[in-house]
């Protein structure tokens, strides 16, 4: 069994946390900034950041992109697409056709 070493870190806000990867993102800060409602509230932090980096914050924004374009974003995993489709359907929208 391979053991992963956890690194004790402190973010700029003073949160203490452990990470096994080189990812600099503080999980406590990410949880604090997670929206309570809307499209971005149903996603994991990496998927949320991927959409935010593309300027996608609403289902209307999302509907301007094809499914292929969204899947290609770093941070969007296989579990994200069904969640995004569900949110689009709630508003009678869909991904843009290729």
Protein backbone atom coordinates (compact mmCIF):
# COMPACT_ATOMS: atom_id res chain seq x y z
CA UNK A 1 0.00 0.00 0.00
CA UNK A 2 1.35 3.40 -0.99
CA UNK A 3 1.03 6.06 1.66
CA UNK A 4 0.35 9.61 0.62
CA UNK A 5 1.99 12.31 2.67
CA UNK A 6 -0.23 15.15 3.68
CA UNK A 7 1.19 18.64 3.80
CA UNK A 8 -0.06 21.00 6.48
CA UNK A 9 -0.83 24.34 4.85
CA UNK A 10 -2.21 27.73 5.77
CA UNK A 11 -4.06 29.91 3.25
CA UNK A 12 -3.95 33.73 3.01
CA UNK A 13 -7.04 33.93 5.24
CA UNK A 14 -5.35 31.87 7.94
CA UNK A 15 -7.23 28.58 7.42
CA UNK A 16 -5.19 25.50 8.32
CA UNK A 17 -5.70 22.43 6.14
CA UNK A 18 -3.91 19.34 4.83
CA UNK A 19 -3.31 18.59 1.13
CA UNK A 20 -1.75 15.59 -0.59
CA UNK A 21 -1.52 17.34 -3.98
CA UNK A 22 0.22 20.48 -5.20
CA UNK A 23 -3.13 22.23 -5.65
CA UNK A 24 -2.92 25.63 -3.90
CA UNK A 25 -6.68 25.96 -3.39
CA UNK A 26 -7.84 26.13 0.22
CA UNK A 27 -10.81 23.77 0.69
CA UNK A 28 -12.21 25.90 3.51
CA UNK A 29 -12.21 29.05 1.35
CA UNK A 30 -13.80 27.09 -1.51
CA UNK A 31 -16.61 25.87 0.76
CA UNK A 32 -17.20 29.40 2.06
CA UNK A 33 -17.57 30.84 -1.44
CA UNK A 34 -19.83 28.09 -2.76
CA UNK A 35 -23.15 29.65 -3.86
CA UNK A 36 -26.28 28.60 -1.98
CA UNK A 37 -28.41 28.46 -5.12
CA UNK A 38 -28.19 28.57 -8.88
CA UNK A 39 -26.18 26.72 -11.47
CA UNK A 40 -22.84 26.86 -9.69
CA UNK A 41 -24.26 25.58 -6.37
CA UNK A 42 -24.73 22.03 -7.72
CA UNK A 43 -21.12 21.56 -8.86
CA UNK A 44 -17.88 20.49 -7.27
CA UNK A 45 -15.27 23.21 -6.69
CA UNK A 46 -13.11 22.27 -9.73
CA UNK A 47 -16.14 22.26 -12.05
CA UNK A 48 -17.40 25.52 -10.57
CA UNK A 49 -14.01 27.17 -11.13
CA UNK A 50 -13.87 25.87 -14.71
CA UNK A 51 -17.19 27.54 -15.54
CA UNK A 52 -16.35 30.72 -13.64
CA UNK A 53 -13.05 31.03 -15.53
CA UNK A 54 -15.04 30.87 -18.78
CA UNK A 55 -17.52 33.51 -17.52
CA UNK A 56 -20.37 31.00 -17.18
CA UNK A 57 -22.45 31.81 -14.11
CA UNK A 58 -26.04 31.16 -15.18
CA UNK A 59 -27.91 28.52 -17.16
CA UNK A 60 -28.45 31.14 -19.86
CA UNK A 61 -24.65 31.55 -20.12
CA UNK A 62 -24.23 27.76 -20.19
CA UNK A 63 -26.74 27.33 -23.02
CA UNK A 64 -24.45 29.36 -25.31
CA UNK A 65 -21.88 26.52 -25.25
CA UNK A 66 -21.95 23.05 -26.75
CA UNK A 67 -21.67 19.98 -24.56
CA UNK A 68 -18.35 19.22 -26.25
CA UNK A 69 -16.97 22.65 -25.33
CA UNK A 70 -17.99 22.23 -21.69
CA UNK A 71 -16.57 18.70 -21.43
CA UNK A 72 -13.24 19.99 -22.73
CA UNK A 73 -12.83 22.40 -19.80
CA UNK A 74 -10.28 21.38 -17.19
CA UNK A 75 -12.23 20.63 -14.01
CA UNK A 76 -15.38 19.34 -15.67
CA UNK A 77 -15.66 15.64 -14.88
CA UNK A 78 -18.15 12.95 -15.88
CA UNK A 79 -20.42 13.66 -12.90
CA UNK A 80 -20.76 17.33 -13.86
CA UNK A 81 -22.57 16.85 -17.17
CA UNK A 82 -25.76 15.22 -15.75
CA UNK A 83 -25.96 17.99 -13.13
CA UNK A 84 -25.57 20.65 -15.81
CA UNK A 85 -28.19 18.99 -18.03
CA UNK A 86 -30.61 18.87 -15.09
CA UNK A 87 -30.14 22.58 -14.44
CA UNK A 88 -30.63 23.41 -18.13
CA UNK A 89 -33.81 21.33 -18.30
CA UNK A 90 -35.25 23.12 -15.23
CA UNK A 91 -35.18 26.27 -17.36
CA UNK A 92 -36.27 24.62 -20.63
CA UNK A 93 -32.79 25.11 -22.08
CA UNK A 94 -30.14 22.85 -23.57
CA UNK A 95 -26.55 22.96 -24.70
CA UNK A 96 -25.93 24.71 -28.02
CA UNK A 97 -25.87 22.31 -30.95
CA UNK A 98 -22.43 21.71 -32.50
